[in-house]
Amino acid sequence: MAGSSHGHTPAAWTGVTIAFIGFCAAGAFMVLANPAGFWASMGVVVLGGVVGWVMKGMGLGQAKDAGKPLRTSDAARAES
């Protein structure tokens, strides 16, 4: 996995950051016994996924085939 660029895009970083903030807030609201805050925070988690998906659609994500490893025949052609 070290050779791939899996997740190293603005869309991935933004989506994961928003979702992480939502998870942290949801945990805090769970400890505070506040169901409304918990569910609102879970909405933020979903929002993170939507934002990442939209950003990928805008061209800020990784192309679907960008992380595919080369076949041996492709690698031989690339070297020559």
PDB file of N, CA and C in Angstrom:
ATOM      1  N   MET A   1       0.816  -1.189   0.000  1.00  0.00           N
ATOM      2  CA  MET A   1       0.000   0.000   0.000  1.00  0.00           C
ATOM      3  C   MET A   1       0.858   1.251   0.000  1.00  0.00           C
ATOM      4  N   ALA A   2       2.100   1.139   0.366  1.00  0.00           N
ATOM      5  CA  ALA A   2       2.939   2.326   0.469  1.00  0.00           C
ATOM      6  C   ALA A   2       3.174   2.982  -0.878  1.00  0.00           C
ATOM      7  N   GLY A   3       3.100   2.206  -1.964  1.00  0.00           N
ATOM      8  CA  GLY A   3       3.350   2.760  -3.278  1.00  0.00           C
ATOM      9  C   GLY A   3       2.158   3.471  -3.883  1.00  0.00           C
ATOM     10  N   SER A   4       0.986   3.350  -3.277  1.00  0.00           N
ATOM     11  CA  SER A   4      -0.198   3.996  -3.850  1.00  0.00           C
ATOM     12  C   SER A   4      -0.417   5.359  -3.207  1.00  0.00           C
ATOM     13  N   SER A   5      -1.280   6.136  -3.838  1.00  0.00           N
ATOM     14  CA  SER A   5      -1.609   7.445  -3.274  1.00  0.00           C
ATOM     15  C   SER A   5      -3.052   7.427  -2.768  1.00  0.00           C
ATOM     16  N   HIS A   6      -3.461   6.321  -2.214  1.00  0.00           N
ATOM     17  CA  HIS A   6      -4.832   6.132  -1.743  1.00  0.00           C
ATOM     18  C   HIS A   6      -5.191   7.171  -0.684  1.00  0.00           C
ATOM     19  N   GLY A   7      -6.175   8.003  -0.982  1.00  0.00           N
ATOM     20  CA  GLY A   7      -6.663   8.964  -0.007  1.00  0.00           C
ATOM     21  C   GLY A   7      -5.913  10.267   0.096  1.00  0.00           C
ATOM     22  N   HIS A   8      -4.895  10.459  -0.696  1.00  0.00           N
ATOM     23  CA  HIS A   8      -4.112  11.694  -0.600  1.00  0.00           C
ATOM     24  C   HIS A   8      -4.647  12.744  -1.567  1.00  0.00           C
ATOM     25  N   THR A   9      -5.914  13.132  -1.358  1.00  0.00           N
ATOM     26  CA  THR A   9      -6.547  14.129  -2.217  1.00  0.00           C
ATOM     27  C   THR A   9      -7.290  15.134  -1.341  1.00  0.00           C
ATOM     28  N   PRO A  10      -7.550  16.324  -1.857  1.00  0.00           N
ATOM     29  CA  PRO A  10      -8.322  17.290  -1.071  1.00  0.00           C
ATOM     30  C   PRO A  10      -9.710  16.764  -0.708  1.00  0.00           C
ATOM     31  N   ALA A  11     -10.340  16.015  -1.606  1.00  0.00           N
ATOM     32  CA  ALA A  11     -11.666  15.474  -1.318  1.00  0.00           C
ATOM     33  C   ALA A  11     -11.616  14.499  -0.146  1.00  0.00           C
ATOM     34  N   ALA A  12     -10.632  13.630  -0.124  1.00  0.00           N
ATOM     35  CA  ALA A  12     -10.513  12.651   0.957  1.00  0.00           C
ATOM     36  C   ALA A  12     -10.205  13.336   2.284  1.00  0.00           C
ATOM     37  N   TRP A  13      -9.255  14.253   2.279  1.00  0.00           N
ATOM     38  CA  TRP A  13      -8.886  14.928   3.518  1.00  0.00           C
ATOM     39  C   TRP A  13     -10.050  15.731   4.086  1.00  0.00           C
ATOM     40  N   THR A  14     -10.782  16.431   3.228  1.00  0.00           N
ATOM     41  CA  THR A  14     -11.895  17.250   3.698  1.00  0.00           C
ATOM     42  C   THR A  14     -13.020  16.382   4.246  1.00  0.00           C
ATOM     43  N   GLY A  15     -13.383  15.348   3.502  1.00  0.00           N
ATOM     44  CA  GLY A  15     -14.456  14.463   3.951  1.00  0.00           C
ATOM     45  C   GLY A  15     -14.136  13.778   5.265  1.00  0.00           C
ATOM     46  N   VAL A  16     -12.931  13.280   5.393  1.00  0.00           N
ATOM     47  CA  VAL A  16     -12.534  12.588   6.623  1.00  0.00           C
ATOM     48  C   VAL A  16     -12.445  13.561   7.793  1.00  0.00           C
ATOM     49  N   THR A  17     -11.962  14.769   7.556  1.00  0.00           N
ATOM     50  CA  THR A  17     -11.876  15.757   8.636  1.00  0.00           C
ATOM     51  C   THR A  17     -13.259  16.124   9.162  1.00  0.00           C
ATOM     52  N   ILE A  18     -14.202  16.357   8.253  1.00  0.00           N
ATOM     53  CA  ILE A  18     -15.566  16.674   8.684  1.00  0.00           C
ATOM     54  C   ILE A  18     -16.173  15.507   9.441  1.00  0.00           C
ATOM     55  N   ALA A  19     -16.011  14.294   8.929  1.00  0.00           N
ATOM     56  CA  ALA A  19     -16.556  13.116   9.603  1.00  0.00           C
ATOM     57  C   ALA A  19     -15.908  12.910  10.978  1.00  0.00           C
ATOM     58  N   PHE A  20     -14.611  13.155  11.075  1.00  0.00           N
ATOM     59  CA  PHE A  20     -13.914  13.002  12.358  1.00  0.00           C
ATOM     60  C   PHE A  20     -14.457  13.979  13.402  1.00  0.00           C
ATOM     61  N   ILE A  21     -14.676  15.220  12.979  1.00  0.00           N
ATOM     62  CA  ILE A  21     -15.252  16.211  13.898  1.00  0.00           C
ATOM     63  C   ILE A  21     -16.638  15.763  14.343  1.00  0.00           C
ATOM     64  N   GLY A  22     -17.422  15.228  13.416  1.00  0.00           N
ATOM     65  CA  GLY A  22     -18.746  14.725  13.765  1.00  0.00           C
ATOM     66  C   GLY A  22     -18.688  13.572  14.753  1.00  0.00           C
ATOM     67  N   PHE A  23     -17.766  12.637  14.556  1.00  0.00           N
ATOM     68  CA  PHE A  23     -17.617  11.514  15.481  1.00  0.00           C
ATOM     69  C   PHE A  23     -17.201  11.989  16.872  1.00  0.00           C
ATOM     70  N   CYS A  24     -16.281  12.937  16.920  1.00  0.00           N
ATOM     71  CA  CYS A  24     -15.846  13.463  18.226  1.00  0.00           C
ATOM     72  C   CYS A  24     -16.991  14.153  18.949  1.00  0.00           C
ATOM     73  N   ALA A  25     -17.752  14.959  18.221  1.00  0.00           N
ATOM     74  CA  ALA A  25     -18.896  15.634  18.836  1.00  0.00           C
ATOM     75  C   ALA A  25     -19.948  14.619  19.266  1.00  0.00           C
ATOM     76  N   ALA A  26     -20.192  13.597  18.468  1.00  0.00           N
ATOM     77  CA  ALA A  26     -21.170  12.569  18.826  1.00  0.00           C
ATOM     78  C   ALA A  26     -20.750  11.846  20.096  1.00  0.00           C
ATOM     79  N   GLY A  27     -19.468  11.580  20.232  1.00  0.00           N
ATOM     80  CA  GLY A  27     -18.983  10.944  21.464  1.00  0.00           C
ATOM     81  C   GLY A  27     -19.187  11.827  22.676  1.00  0.00           C
ATOM     82  N   ALA A  28     -18.935  13.112  22.514  1.00  0.00           N
ATOM     83  CA  ALA A  28     -19.135  14.038  23.628  1.00  0.00           C
ATOM     84  C   ALA A  28     -20.610  14.117  24.009  1.00  0.00           C
ATOM     85  N   PHE A  29     -21.485  14.192  23.007  1.00  0.00           N
ATOM     86  CA  PHE A  29     -22.913  14.257  23.300  1.00  0.00           C
ATOM     87  C   PHE A  29     -23.429  12.945  23.894  1.00  0.00           C
ATOM     88  N   MET A  30     -22.801  11.830  23.547  1.00  0.00           N
ATOM     89  CA  MET A  30     -23.206  10.549  24.134  1.00  0.00           C
ATOM     90  C   MET A  30     -22.882  10.548  25.633  1.00  0.00           C
ATOM     91  N   VAL A  31     -21.703  11.026  25.971  1.00  0.00           N
ATOM     92  CA  VAL A  31     -21.309  11.089  27.384  1.00  0.00           C
ATOM     93  C   VAL A  31     -22.196  12.074  28.143  1.00  0.00           C
ATOM     94  N   LEU A  32     -22.593  13.157  27.496  1.00  0.00           N
ATOM     95  CA  LEU A  32     -23.445  14.163  28.124  1.00  0.00           C
ATOM     96  C   LEU A  32     -24.921  13.764  28.136  1.00  0.00           C
ATOM     97  N   ALA A  33     -25.245  12.603  27.601  1.00  0.00           N
ATOM     98  CA  ALA A  33     -26.618  12.090  27.536  1.00  0.00           C
ATOM     99  C   ALA A  33     -27.544  13.072  26.835  1.00  0.00           C
ATOM    100  N   ASN A  34     -27.099  13.538  25.668  1.00  0.00           N
ATOM    101  CA  ASN A  34     -27.876  14.484  24.876  1.00  0.00           C
ATOM    102  C   ASN A  34     -28.177  13.844  23.519  1.00  0.00           C
ATOM    103  N   PRO A  35     -29.326  13.143  23.388  1.00  0.00           N
ATOM    104  CA  PRO A  35     -29.634  12.446  22.133  1.00  0.00           C
ATOM    105  C   PRO A  35     -29.749  13.376  20.923  1.00  0.00           C
ATOM    106  N   ALA A  36     -30.318  14.564  21.110  1.00  0.00           N
ATOM    107  CA  ALA A  36     -30.457  15.488  19.977  1.00  0.00           C
ATOM    108  C   ALA A  36     -29.083  15.904  19.443  1.00  0.00           C
ATOM    109  N   GLY A  37     -28.157  16.209  20.329  1.00  0.00           N
ATOM    110  CA  GLY A  37     -26.808  16.568  19.910  1.00  0.00           C
ATOM    111  C   GLY A  37     -26.089  15.413  19.248  1.00  0.00           C
ATOM    112  N   PHE A  38     -26.324  14.201  19.785  1.00  0.00           N
ATOM    113  CA  PHE A  38     -25.713  13.004  19.196  1.00  0.00           C
ATOM    114  C   PHE A  38     -26.164  12.835  17.751  1.00  0.00           C
ATOM    115  N   TRP A  39     -27.477  12.899  17.523  1.00  0.00           N
ATOM    116  CA  TRP A  39     -27.990  12.680  16.169  1.00  0.00           C
ATOM    117  C   TRP A  39     -27.620  13.820  15.229  1.00  0.00           C
ATOM    118  N   ALA A  40     -27.541  15.026  15.739  1.00  0.00           N
ATOM    119  CA  ALA A  40     -27.075  16.136  14.910  1.00  0.00           C
ATOM    120  C   ALA A  40     -25.618  15.913  14.492  1.00  0.00           C
ATOM    121  N   SER A  41     -24.821  15.397  15.411  1.00  0.00           N
ATOM    122  CA  SER A  41     -23.414  15.105  15.106  1.00  0.00           C
ATOM    123  C   SER A  41     -23.290  13.965  14.104  1.00  0.00           C
ATOM    124  N   MET A  42     -24.180  12.995  14.188  1.00  0.00           N
ATOM    125  CA  MET A  42     -24.166  11.916  13.201  1.00  0.00           C
ATOM    126  C   MET A  42     -24.537  12.461  11.822  1.00  0.00           C
ATOM    127  N   GLY A  43     -25.369  13.495  11.797  1.00  0.00           N
ATOM    128  CA  GLY A  43     -25.658  14.178  10.534  1.00  0.00           C
ATOM    129  C   GLY A  43     -24.414  14.839   9.964  1.00  0.00           C
ATOM    130  N   VAL A  44     -23.561  15.363  10.841  1.00  0.00           N
ATOM    131  CA  VAL A  44     -22.295  15.953  10.401  1.00  0.00           C
ATOM    132  C   VAL A  44     -21.396  14.871   9.794  1.00  0.00           C
ATOM    133  N   VAL A  45     -21.422  13.686  10.371  1.00  0.00           N
ATOM    134  CA  VAL A  45     -20.638  12.571   9.827  1.00  0.00           C
ATOM    135  C   VAL A  45     -21.097  12.267   8.398  1.00  0.00           C
ATOM    136  N   VAL A  46     -22.395  12.177   8.197  1.00  0.00           N
ATOM    137  CA  VAL A  46     -22.938  11.925   6.860  1.00  0.00           C
ATOM    138  C   VAL A  46     -22.581  13.077   5.921  1.00  0.00           C
ATOM    139  N   LEU A  47     -22.638  14.299   6.438  1.00  0.00           N
ATOM    140  CA  LEU A  47     -22.270  15.468   5.643  1.00  0.00           C
ATOM    141  C   LEU A  47     -20.826  15.364   5.146  1.00  0.00           C
ATOM    142  N   GLY A  48     -19.939  14.831   5.972  1.00  0.00           N
ATOM    143  CA  GLY A  48     -18.545  14.646   5.558  1.00  0.00           C
ATOM    144  C   GLY A  48     -18.435  13.741   4.342  1.00  0.00           C
ATOM    145  N   GLY A  49     -19.221  12.665   4.328  1.00  0.00           N
ATOM    146  CA  GLY A  49     -19.219  11.771   3.171  1.00  0.00           C
ATOM    147  C   GLY A  49     -19.764  12.444   1.928  1.00  0.00           C
ATOM    148  N   VAL A  50     -20.821  13.216   2.102  1.00  0.00           N
ATOM    149  CA  VAL A  50     -21.423  13.924   0.965  1.00  0.00           C
ATOM    150  C   VAL A  50     -20.449  14.961   0.410  1.00  0.00           C
ATOM    151  N   VAL A  51     -19.807  15.710   1.289  1.00  0.00           N
ATOM    152  CA  VAL A  51     -18.845  16.732   0.846  1.00  0.00           C
ATOM    153  C   VAL A  51     -17.686  16.079   0.087  1.00  0.00           C
ATOM    154  N   GLY A  52     -17.163  14.974   0.606  1.00  0.00           N
ATOM    155  CA  GLY A  52     -16.084  14.271  -0.087  1.00  0.00           C
ATOM    156  C   GLY A  52     -16.512  13.772  -1.457  1.00  0.00           C
ATOM    157  N   TRP A  53     -17.730  13.255  -1.550  1.00  0.00           N
ATOM    158  CA  TRP A  53     -18.256  12.746  -2.816  1.00  0.00           C
ATOM    159  C   TRP A  53     -18.430  13.879  -3.817  1.00  0.00           C
ATOM    160  N   VAL A  54     -18.981  15.004  -3.365  1.00  0.00           N
ATOM    161  CA  VAL A  54     -19.170  16.155  -4.258  1.00  0.00           C
ATOM    162  C   VAL A  54     -17.819  16.699  -4.727  1.00  0.00           C
ATOM    163  N   MET A  55     -16.860  16.785  -3.815  1.00  0.00           N
ATOM    164  CA  MET A  55     -15.536  17.283  -4.205  1.00  0.00           C
ATOM    165  C   MET A  55     -14.869  16.344  -5.206  1.00  0.00           C
ATOM    166  N   LYS A  56     -15.071  15.039  -5.027  1.00  0.00           N
ATOM    167  CA  LYS A  56     -14.519  14.096  -5.997  1.00  0.00           C
ATOM    168  C   LYS A  56     -15.167  14.312  -7.351  1.00  0.00           C
ATOM    169  N   GLY A  57     -16.475  14.571  -7.359  1.00  0.00           N
ATOM    170  CA  GLY A  57     -17.161  14.856  -8.607  1.00  0.00           C
ATOM    171  C   GLY A  57     -16.673  16.126  -9.278  1.00  0.00           C
ATOM    172  N   MET A  58     -16.174  17.060  -8.476  1.00  0.00           N
ATOM    173  CA  MET A  58     -15.634  18.312  -9.009  1.00  0.00           C
ATOM    174  C   MET A  58     -14.192  18.153  -9.511  1.00  0.00           C
ATOM    175  N   GLY A  59     -13.646  16.960  -9.392  1.00  0.00           N
ATOM    176  CA  GLY A  59     -12.293  16.719  -9.892  1.00  0.00           C
ATOM    177  C   GLY A  59     -11.209  16.837  -8.841  1.00  0.00           C
ATOM    178  N   LEU A  60     -11.577  16.930  -7.575  1.00  0.00           N
ATOM    179  CA  LEU A  60     -10.570  17.065  -6.518  1.00  0.00           C
ATOM    180  C   LEU A  60     -10.244  15.737  -5.846  1.00  0.00           C
ATOM    181  N   GLY A  61     -10.754  14.643  -6.390  1.00  0.00           N
ATOM    182  CA  GLY A  61     -10.490  13.317  -5.839  1.00  0.00           C
ATOM    183  C   GLY A  61      -9.574  12.533  -6.751  1.00  0.00           C
ATOM    184  N   GLN A  62      -9.371  11.289  -6.408  1.00  0.00           N
ATOM    185  CA  GLN A  62      -8.504  10.426  -7.184  1.00  0.00           C
ATOM    186  C   GLN A  62      -9.328   9.706  -8.245  1.00  0.00           C
ATOM    187  N   ALA A  63      -8.804   9.581  -9.448  1.00  0.00           N
ATOM    188  CA  ALA A  63      -9.487   8.848 -10.507  1.00  0.00           C
ATOM    189  C   ALA A  63      -9.627   7.385 -10.119  1.00  0.00           C
ATOM    190  N   LYS A  64     -10.661   6.738 -10.629  1.00  0.00           N
ATOM    191  CA  LYS A  64     -10.962   5.370 -10.226  1.00  0.00           C
ATOM    192  C   LYS A  64      -9.822   4.403 -10.544  1.00  0.00           C
ATOM    193  N   ASP A  65      -9.151   4.573 -11.648  1.00  0.00           N
ATOM    194  CA  ASP A  65      -8.086   3.644 -12.037  1.00  0.00           C
ATOM    195  C   ASP A  65      -6.685   4.152 -11.691  1.00  0.00           C
ATOM    196  N   ALA A  66      -6.564   5.245 -10.975  1.00  0.00           N
ATOM    197  CA  ALA A  66      -5.252   5.828 -10.678  1.00  0.00           C
ATOM    198  C   ALA A  66      -4.417   4.952  -9.746  1.00  0.00           C
ATOM    199  N   GLY A  67      -5.049   4.169  -8.888  1.00  0.00           N
ATOM    200  CA  GLY A  67      -4.300   3.368  -7.930  1.00  0.00           C
ATOM    201  C   GLY A  67      -4.047   1.953  -8.373  1.00  0.00           C
ATOM    202  N   LYS A  68      -4.448   1.604  -9.601  1.00  0.00           N
ATOM    203  CA  LYS A  68      -4.261   0.239 -10.080  1.00  0.00           C
ATOM    204  C   LYS A  68      -2.783  -0.047 -10.313  1.00  0.00           C
ATOM    205  N   PRO A  69      -2.316  -1.207  -9.852  1.00  0.00           N
ATOM    206  CA  PRO A  69      -0.923  -1.556 -10.132  1.00  0.00           C
ATOM    207  C   PRO A  69      -0.768  -1.946 -11.601  1.00  0.00           C
ATOM    208  N   LEU A  70       0.404  -1.700 -12.136  1.00  0.00           N
ATOM    209  CA  LEU A  70       0.686  -2.083 -13.510  1.00  0.00           C
ATOM    210  C   LEU A  70       0.838  -3.585 -13.617  1.00  0.00           C
ATOM    211  N   ARG A  71       0.360  -4.143 -14.728  1.00  0.00           N
ATOM    212  CA  ARG A  71       0.617  -5.575 -14.995  1.00  0.00           C
ATOM    213  C   ARG A  71       2.063  -5.706 -15.432  1.00  0.00           C
ATOM    214  N   THR A  72       2.592  -6.910 -15.375  1.00  0.00           N
ATOM    215  CA  THR A  72       3.994  -7.096 -15.723  1.00  0.00           C
ATOM    216  C   THR A  72       4.257  -6.707 -17.167  1.00  0.00           C
ATOM    217  N   SER A  73       3.323  -6.978 -18.087  1.00  0.00           N
ATOM    218  CA  SER A  73       3.541  -6.604 -19.478  1.00  0.00           C
ATOM    219  C   SER A  73       3.542  -5.085 -19.635  1.00  0.00           C
ATOM    220  N   ASP A  74       2.687  -4.386 -18.873  1.00  0.00           N
ATOM    221  CA  ASP A  74       2.675  -2.928 -18.917  1.00  0.00           C
ATOM    222  C   ASP A  74       3.959  -2.349 -18.343  1.00  0.00           C
ATOM    223  N   ALA A  75       4.460  -2.964 -17.279  1.00  0.00           N
ATOM    224  CA  ALA A  75       5.693  -2.484 -16.645  1.00  0.00           C
ATOM    225  C   ALA A  75       6.876  -2.657 -17.594  1.00  0.00           C
ATOM    226  N   ALA A  76       6.912  -3.761 -18.333  1.00  0.00           N
ATOM    227  CA  ALA A  76       8.004  -4.009 -19.275  1.00  0.00           C
ATOM    228  C   ALA A  76       7.973  -2.970 -20.392  1.00  0.00           C
ATOM    229  N   ARG A  77       6.762  -2.636 -20.875  1.00  0.00           N
ATOM    230  CA  ARG A  77       6.645  -1.640 -21.921  1.00  0.00           C
ATOM    231  C   ARG A  77       7.023  -0.263 -21.420  1.00  0.00           C
ATOM    232  N   ALA A  78       6.704   0.034 -20.157  1.00  0.00           N
ATOM    233  CA  ALA A  78       7.004   1.351 -19.595  1.00  0.00           C
ATOM    234  C   ALA A  78       8.505   1.557 -19.439  1.00  0.00           C
ATOM    235  N   GLU A  79       9.232   0.477 -19.163  1.00  0.00           N
ATOM    236  CA  GLU A  79      10.677   0.584 -18.955  1.00  0.00           C
ATOM    237  C   GLU A  79      11.431   0.752 -20.256  1.00  0.00           C
ATOM    238  N   SER A  80      10.858   0.244 -21.343  1.00  0.00           N
ATOM    239  CA  SER A  80      11.605   0.301 -22.618  1.00  0.00           C
ATOM    240  C   SER A  80      11.317   1.537 -23.406  1.00  0.00           C
TER     241      SER A  80
END
